[in-house]
PDB file of all heavy atoms in Angstrom:
ATOM      1  N   ILE A   1       0.831  -1.204   0.000  1.00  0.00           N
ATOM      2  CA  ILE A   1       0.000   0.000   0.000  1.00  0.00           C
ATOM      3  C   ILE A   1       0.868   1.258   0.000  1.00  0.00           C
ATOM      4  O   ILE A   1       0.604   2.214  -0.743  1.00  0.00           O
ATOM      5  CB  ILE A   1      -0.962  -0.008   1.205  1.00  0.00           C
ATOM      6  CG1 ILE A   1      -1.949  -1.170   1.078  1.00  0.00           C
ATOM      7  CG2 ILE A   1      -1.721   1.320   1.297  1.00  0.00           C
ATOM      8  CD1 ILE A   1      -2.845  -1.362   2.288  1.00  0.00           C
ATOM      9  N   ALA A   2       1.925   1.280   0.808  1.00  0.00           N
ATOM     10  CA  ALA A   2       2.791   2.459   0.867  1.00  0.00           C
ATOM     11  C   ALA A   2       3.442   2.738  -0.481  1.00  0.00           C
ATOM     12  O   ALA A   2       3.501   3.886  -0.939  1.00  0.00           O
ATOM     13  CB  ALA A   2       3.857   2.273   1.936  1.00  0.00           C
ATOM     14  N   ALA A   3       3.926   1.697  -1.133  1.00  0.00           N
ATOM     15  CA  ALA A   3       4.673   1.878  -2.384  1.00  0.00           C
ATOM     16  C   ALA A   3       3.785   2.248  -3.559  1.00  0.00           C
ATOM     17  O   ALA A   3       4.253   2.867  -4.518  1.00  0.00           O
ATOM     18  CB  ALA A   3       5.450   0.606  -2.711  1.00  0.00           C
ATOM     19  N   THR A   4       2.505   1.873  -3.507  1.00  0.00           N
ATOM     20  CA  THR A   4       1.633   2.115  -4.663  1.00  0.00           C
ATOM     21  C   THR A   4       0.634   3.243  -4.460  1.00  0.00           C
ATOM     22  O   THR A   4       0.115   3.778  -5.443  1.00  0.00           O
ATOM     23  CB  THR A   4       0.856   0.838  -5.026  1.00  0.00           C
ATOM     24  OG1 THR A   4       0.080   0.404  -3.895  1.00  0.00           O
ATOM     25  CG2 THR A   4       1.796  -0.267  -5.455  1.00  0.00           C
ATOM     26  N   SER A   5       0.373   3.634  -3.228  1.00  0.00           N
ATOM     27  CA  SER A   5      -0.592   4.722  -3.007  1.00  0.00           C
ATOM     28  C   SER A   5       0.093   6.073  -2.868  1.00  0.00           C
ATOM     29  O   SER A   5      -0.490   7.102  -3.226  1.00  0.00           O
ATOM     30  CB  SER A   5      -1.443   4.443  -1.758  1.00  0.00           C
ATOM     31  OG  SER A   5      -0.651   4.468  -0.579  1.00  0.00           O
ATOM     32  N   GLY A   6       1.306   6.096  -2.352  1.00  0.00           N
ATOM     33  CA  GLY A   6       2.013   7.358  -2.170  1.00  0.00           C
ATOM     34  C   GLY A   6       3.016   7.601  -3.278  1.00  0.00           C
ATOM     35  O   GLY A   6       3.582   6.665  -3.854  1.00  0.00           O
ATOM     36  N   ALA A   7       3.256   8.870  -3.584  1.00  0.00           N
ATOM     37  CA  ALA A   7       4.321   9.193  -4.537  1.00  0.00           C
ATOM     38  C   ALA A   7       5.682   8.929  -3.910  1.00  0.00           C
ATOM     39  O   ALA A   7       6.649   8.611  -4.602  1.00  0.00           O
ATOM     40  CB  ALA A   7       4.206  10.644  -4.990  1.00  0.00           C
ATOM     41  N   SER A   8       5.770   9.061  -2.569  1.00  0.00           N
ATOM     42  CA  SER A   8       7.003   8.757  -1.837  1.00  0.00           C
ATOM     43  C   SER A   8       6.694   7.761  -0.732  1.00  0.00           C
ATOM     44  O   SER A   8       5.646   7.850  -0.082  1.00  0.00           O
ATOM     45  CB  SER A   8       7.605  10.025  -1.218  1.00  0.00           C
ATOM     46  OG  SER A   8       8.083  10.897  -2.213  1.00  0.00           O
ATOM     47  N   TRP A   9       7.613   6.800  -0.539  1.00  0.00           N
ATOM     48  CA  TRP A   9       7.436   5.873   0.572  1.00  0.00           C
ATOM     49  C   TRP A   9       8.796   5.563   1.176  1.00  0.00           C
ATOM     50  O   TRP A   9       9.834   5.801   0.554  1.00  0.00           O
ATOM     51  CB  TRP A   9       6.728   4.593   0.122  1.00  0.00           C
ATOM     52  CG  TRP A   9       7.564   3.558  -0.564  1.00  0.00           C
ATOM     53  CD1 TRP A   9       8.200   3.674  -1.759  1.00  0.00           C
ATOM     54  CD2 TRP A   9       7.846   2.228  -0.084  1.00  0.00           C
ATOM     55  NE1 TRP A   9       8.855   2.505  -2.078  1.00  0.00           N
ATOM     56  CE2 TRP A   9       8.654   1.598  -1.072  1.00  0.00           C
ATOM     57  CE3 TRP A   9       7.490   1.510   1.055  1.00  0.00           C
ATOM     58  CZ2 TRP A   9       9.111   0.282  -0.933  1.00  0.00           C
ATOM     59  CZ3 TRP A   9       7.947   0.207   1.195  1.00  0.00           C
ATOM     60  CH2 TRP A   9       8.738  -0.398   0.212  1.00  0.00           C
ATOM     61  N   GLY A  10       8.784   5.061   2.418  1.00  0.00           N
ATOM     62  CA  GLY A  10      10.047   4.812   3.103  1.00  0.00           C
ATOM     63  C   GLY A  10       9.999   3.567   3.971  1.00  0.00           C
ATOM     64  O   GLY A  10       8.931   3.116   4.400  1.00  0.00           O
ATOM     65  N   MET A  11      11.203   3.025   4.251  1.00  0.00           N
ATOM     66  CA  MET A  11      11.322   1.795   5.014  1.00  0.00           C
ATOM     67  C   MET A  11      12.611   1.830   5.829  1.00  0.00           C
ATOM     68  O   MET A  11      13.659   2.205   5.320  1.00  0.00           O
ATOM     69  CB  MET A  11      11.348   0.607   4.051  1.00  0.00           C
ATOM     70  CG  MET A  11      11.273  -0.753   4.697  1.00  0.00           C
ATOM     71  SD  MET A  11      11.291  -2.042   3.421  1.00  0.00           S
ATOM     72  CE  MET A  11      13.037  -2.352   3.326  1.00  0.00           C
ATOM     73  N   TYR A  12      12.531   1.449   7.095  1.00  0.00           N
ATOM     74  CA  TYR A  12      13.700   1.372   7.975  1.00  0.00           C
ATOM     75  C   TYR A  12      14.209  -0.064   8.008  1.00  0.00           C
ATOM     76  O   TYR A  12      13.439  -1.025   8.053  1.00  0.00           O
ATOM     77  CB  TYR A  12      13.319   1.881   9.366  1.00  0.00           C
ATOM     78  CG  TYR A  12      14.158   1.380  10.506  1.00  0.00           C
ATOM     79  CD1 TYR A  12      15.547   1.571  10.527  1.00  0.00           C
ATOM     80  CD2 TYR A  12      13.567   0.718  11.583  1.00  0.00           C
ATOM     81  CE1 TYR A  12      16.315   1.099  11.580  1.00  0.00           C
ATOM     82  CE2 TYR A  12      14.321   0.249  12.644  1.00  0.00           C
ATOM     83  CZ  TYR A  12      15.700   0.439  12.637  1.00  0.00           C
ATOM     84  OH  TYR A  12      16.454  -0.030  13.681  1.00  0.00           O
ATOM     85  N   ALA A  13      15.515  -0.221   7.990  1.00  0.00           N
ATOM     86  CA  ALA A  13      16.159  -1.536   7.960  1.00  0.00           C
ATOM     87  C   ALA A  13      15.595  -2.463   9.029  1.00  0.00           C
ATOM     88  O   ALA A  13      15.379  -2.058  10.179  1.00  0.00           O
ATOM     89  CB  ALA A  13      17.666  -1.377   8.145  1.00  0.00           C
ATOM     90  N   GLY A  14      15.381  -3.707   8.644  1.00  0.00           N
ATOM     91  CA  GLY A  14      14.800  -4.701   9.530  1.00  0.00           C
ATOM     92  C   GLY A  14      13.376  -5.035   9.155  1.00  0.00           C
ATOM     93  O   GLY A  14      12.890  -6.135   9.448  1.00  0.00           O
ATOM     94  N   PHE A  15      12.699  -4.101   8.497  1.00  0.00           N
ATOM     95  CA  PHE A  15      11.338  -4.364   8.031  1.00  0.00           C
ATOM     96  C   PHE A  15      11.334  -5.554   7.077  1.00  0.00           C
ATOM     97  O   PHE A  15      10.473  -6.429   7.151  1.00  0.00           O
ATOM     98  CB  PHE A  15      10.780  -3.117   7.340  1.00  0.00           C
ATOM     99  CG  PHE A  15       9.337  -3.233   6.926  1.00  0.00           C
ATOM    100  CD1 PHE A  15       8.327  -2.850   7.783  1.00  0.00           C
ATOM    101  CD2 PHE A  15       8.986  -3.714   5.671  1.00  0.00           C
ATOM    102  CE1 PHE A  15       6.984  -2.952   7.399  1.00  0.00           C
ATOM    103  CE2 PHE A  15       7.662  -3.823   5.273  1.00  0.00           C
ATOM    104  CZ  PHE A  15       6.655  -3.442   6.147  1.00  0.00           C
ATOM    105  N   GLU A  16      12.350  -5.598   6.183  1.00  0.00           N
ATOM    106  CA  GLU A  16      12.408  -6.666   5.202  1.00  0.00           C
ATOM    107  C   GLU A  16      12.754  -8.013   5.830  1.00  0.00           C
ATOM    108  O   GLU A  16      12.638  -9.062   5.184  1.00  0.00           O
ATOM    109  CB  GLU A  16      13.410  -6.317   4.095  1.00  0.00           C
ATOM    110  CG  GLU A  16      14.843  -6.195   4.542  1.00  0.00           C
ATOM    111  CD  GLU A  16      15.229  -4.787   4.984  1.00  0.00           C
ATOM    112  OE1 GLU A  16      14.500  -4.206   5.820  1.00  0.00           O
ATOM    113  OE2 GLU A  16      16.264  -4.288   4.515  1.00  0.00           O
ATOM    114  N   LEU A  17      13.166  -7.994   7.109  1.00  0.00           N
ATOM    115  CA  LEU A  17      13.435  -9.233   7.844  1.00  0.00           C
ATOM    116  C   LEU A  17      12.283  -9.585   8.787  1.00  0.00           C
ATOM    117  O   LEU A  17      12.416 -10.485   9.612  1.00  0.00           O
ATOM    118  CB  LEU A  17      14.738  -9.096   8.647  1.00  0.00           C
ATOM    119  CG  LEU A  17      15.999  -8.806   7.832  1.00  0.00           C
ATOM    120  CD1 LEU A  17      17.210  -8.706   8.743  1.00  0.00           C
ATOM    121  CD2 LEU A  17      16.224  -9.855   6.754  1.00  0.00           C
ATOM    122  N   TYR A  18      11.180  -8.868   8.661  1.00  0.00           N
ATOM    123  CA  TYR A  18       9.978  -9.095   9.466  1.00  0.00           C
ATOM    124  C   TYR A  18      10.241  -8.894  10.957  1.00  0.00           C
ATOM    125  O   TYR A  18       9.671  -9.600  11.801  1.00  0.00           O
ATOM    126  CB  TYR A  18       9.416 -10.504   9.242  1.00  0.00           C
ATOM    127  CG  TYR A  18       9.066 -10.819   7.807  1.00  0.00           C
ATOM    128  CD1 TYR A  18       9.820 -11.740   7.078  1.00  0.00           C
ATOM    129  CD2 TYR A  18       7.971 -10.220   7.189  1.00  0.00           C
ATOM    130  CE1 TYR A  18       9.491 -12.057   5.768  1.00  0.00           C
ATOM    131  CE2 TYR A  18       7.638 -10.527   5.874  1.00  0.00           C
ATOM    132  CZ  TYR A  18       8.403 -11.442   5.163  1.00  0.00           C
ATOM    133  OH  TYR A  18       8.080 -11.749   3.867  1.00  0.00           O
ATOM    134  N   GLU A  19      11.089  -7.925  11.334  1.00  0.00           N
ATOM    135  CA  GLU A  19      11.351  -7.668  12.751  1.00  0.00           C
ATOM    136  C   GLU A  19      10.082  -7.109  13.392  1.00  0.00           C
ATOM    137  O   GLU A  19       9.632  -6.017  13.051  1.00  0.00           O
ATOM    138  CB  GLU A  19      12.521  -6.695  12.903  1.00  0.00           C
ATOM    139  CG  GLU A  19      13.852  -7.304  12.458  1.00  0.00           C
ATOM    140  CD  GLU A  19      15.030  -6.347  12.618  1.00  0.00           C
ATOM    141  OE1 GLU A  19      14.802  -5.189  13.039  1.00  0.00           O
ATOM    142  OE2 GLU A  19      16.169  -6.737  12.317  1.00  0.00           O
ATOM    143  N   SER A  20       9.522  -7.851  14.347  1.00  0.00           N
ATOM    144  CA  SER A  20       8.199  -7.492  14.855  1.00  0.00           C
ATOM    145  C   SER A  20       8.065  -7.575  16.371  1.00  0.00           C
ATOM    146  O   SER A  20       6.981  -7.355  16.905  1.00  0.00           O
ATOM    147  CB  SER A  20       7.138  -8.404  14.223  1.00  0.00           C
ATOM    148  OG  SER A  20       7.387  -9.766  14.528  1.00  0.00           O
ATOM    149  N   VAL A  21       9.157  -7.868  17.077  1.00  0.00           N
ATOM    150  CA  VAL A  21       9.079  -7.984  18.534  1.00  0.00           C
ATOM    151  C   VAL A  21       9.268  -6.605  19.155  1.00  0.00           C
ATOM    152  O   VAL A  21      10.275  -5.935  18.924  1.00  0.00           O
ATOM    153  CB  VAL A  21      10.134  -8.963  19.084  1.00  0.00           C
ATOM    154  CG1 VAL A  21      10.029  -9.059  20.606  1.00  0.00           C
ATOM    155  CG2 VAL A  21       9.958 -10.334  18.441  1.00  0.00           C
ATOM    156  N   ALA A  22       8.294  -6.194  19.939  1.00  0.00           N
ATOM    157  CA  ALA A  22       8.309  -4.853  20.517  1.00  0.00           C
ATOM    158  C   ALA A  22       8.798  -4.865  21.962  1.00  0.00           C
ATOM    159  O   ALA A  22       8.716  -5.888  22.651  1.00  0.00           O
ATOM    160  CB  ALA A  22       6.922  -4.239  20.460  1.00  0.00           C
ATOM    161  N   ARG A  23       9.303  -3.728  22.389  1.00  0.00           N
ATOM    162  CA  ARG A  23       9.583  -3.549  23.810  1.00  0.00           C
ATOM    163  C   ARG A  23       8.247  -3.565  24.542  1.00  0.00           C
ATOM    164  O   ARG A  23       7.292  -2.905  24.100  1.00  0.00           O
ATOM    165  CB  ARG A  23      10.326  -2.221  24.020  1.00  0.00           C
ATOM    166  CG  ARG A  23      10.722  -1.937  25.454  1.00  0.00           C
ATOM    167  CD  ARG A  23      11.771  -0.814  25.505  1.00  0.00           C
ATOM    168  NE  ARG A  23      11.315   0.403  24.858  1.00  0.00           N
ATOM    169  CZ  ARG A  23      10.567   1.339  25.448  1.00  0.00           C
ATOM    170  NH1 ARG A  23      10.167   1.172  26.709  1.00  0.00           N
ATOM    171  NH2 ARG A  23      10.222   2.424  24.795  1.00  0.00           N
ATOM    172  N   PRO A  24       8.113  -4.305  25.627  1.00  0.00           N
ATOM    173  CA  PRO A  24       6.819  -4.441  26.311  1.00  0.00           C
ATOM    174  C   PRO A  24       6.167  -3.093  26.590  1.00  0.00           C
ATOM    175  O   PRO A  24       6.792  -2.174  27.134  1.00  0.00           O
ATOM    176  CB  PRO A  24       7.180  -5.163  27.615  1.00  0.00           C
ATOM    177  CG  PRO A  24       8.386  -5.966  27.263  1.00  0.00           C
ATOM    178  CD  PRO A  24       9.158  -5.112  26.292  1.00  0.00           C
ATOM    179  N   GLY A  25       4.914  -2.980  26.158  1.00  0.00           N
ATOM    180  CA  GLY A  25       4.149  -1.763  26.404  1.00  0.00           C
ATOM    181  C   GLY A  25       4.471  -0.616  25.482  1.00  0.00           C
ATOM    182  O   GLY A  25       4.012   0.519  25.714  1.00  0.00           O
ATOM    183  N   ALA A  26       5.263  -0.870  24.422  1.00  0.00           N
ATOM    184  CA  ALA A  26       5.673   0.226  23.539  1.00  0.00           C
ATOM    185  C   ALA A  26       5.412  -0.148  22.083  1.00  0.00           C
ATOM    186  O   ALA A  26       5.204  -1.316  21.746  1.00  0.00           O
ATOM    187  CB  ALA A  26       7.152   0.544  23.732  1.00  0.00           C
ATOM    188  N   GLU A  27       5.406   0.858  21.230  1.00  0.00           N
ATOM    189  CA  GLU A  27       5.266   0.646  19.790  1.00  0.00           C
ATOM    190  C   GLU A  27       6.608   0.888  19.106  1.00  0.00           C
ATOM    191  O   GLU A  27       6.715   1.656  18.153  1.00  0.00           O
ATOM    192  CB  GLU A  27       4.181   1.551  19.200  1.00  0.00           C
ATOM    193  CG  GLU A  27       2.772   1.026  19.403  1.00  0.00           C
ATOM    194  CD  GLU A  27       1.772   1.630  18.437  1.00  0.00           C
ATOM    195  OE1 GLU A  27       1.972   2.787  18.014  1.00  0.00           O
ATOM    196  OE2 GLU A  27       0.777   0.959  18.098  1.00  0.00           O
ATOM    197  N   GLU A  28       7.659   0.256  19.661  1.00  0.00           N
ATOM    198  CA  GLU A  28       8.953   0.294  19.007  1.00  0.00           C
ATOM    199  C   GLU A  28       9.665  -1.029  19.269  1.00  0.00           C
ATOM    200  O   GLU A  28       9.327  -1.766  20.198  1.00  0.00           O
ATOM    201  CB  GLU A  28       9.801   1.475  19.488  1.00  0.00           C
ATOM    202  CG  GLU A  28      10.208   1.422  20.933  1.00  0.00           C
ATOM    203  CD  GLU A  28      11.102   2.604  21.315  1.00  0.00           C
ATOM    204  OE1 GLU A  28      10.821   3.744  20.912  1.00  0.00           O
ATOM    205  OE2 GLU A  28      12.087   2.363  22.055  1.00  0.00           O
ATOM    206  N   ASN A  29      10.635  -1.329  18.424  1.00  0.00           N
ATOM    207  CA  ASN A  29      11.319  -2.618  18.521  1.00  0.00           C
ATOM    208  C   ASN A  29      12.014  -2.792  19.860  1.00  0.00           C
ATOM    209  O   ASN A  29      12.567  -1.836  20.417  1.00  0.00           O
ATOM    210  CB  ASN A  29      12.360  -2.750  17.409  1.00  0.00           C
ATOM    211  CG  ASN A  29      11.733  -2.859  16.032  1.00  0.00           C
ATOM    212  OD1 ASN A  29      11.403  -1.849  15.425  1.00  0.00           O
ATOM    213  ND2 ASN A  29      11.576  -4.073  15.547  1.00  0.00           N
ATOM    214  N   ILE A  30      11.994  -4.006  20.364  1.00  0.00           N
ATOM    215  CA  ILE A  30      12.820  -4.316  21.526  1.00  0.00           C
ATOM    216  C   ILE A  30      14.284  -4.274  21.090  1.00  0.00           C
ATOM    217  O   ILE A  30      14.608  -4.497  19.924  1.00  0.00           O
ATOM    218  CB  ILE A  30      12.447  -5.697  22.108  1.00  0.00           C
ATOM    219  CG1 ILE A  30      13.008  -5.830  23.523  1.00  0.00           C
ATOM    220  CG2 ILE A  30      12.904  -6.833  21.204  1.00  0.00           C
ATOM    221  CD1 ILE A  30      12.442  -7.017  24.295  1.00  0.00           C
TER     222      ILE A  30
END
């Protein structure tokens, strides 16, 4: 959706490795 709906899109390293474990109680990576 990001790549096809926006004229510009961005990605931070680790997304392509499916990094999905968060610090408990937070919306950021552990």
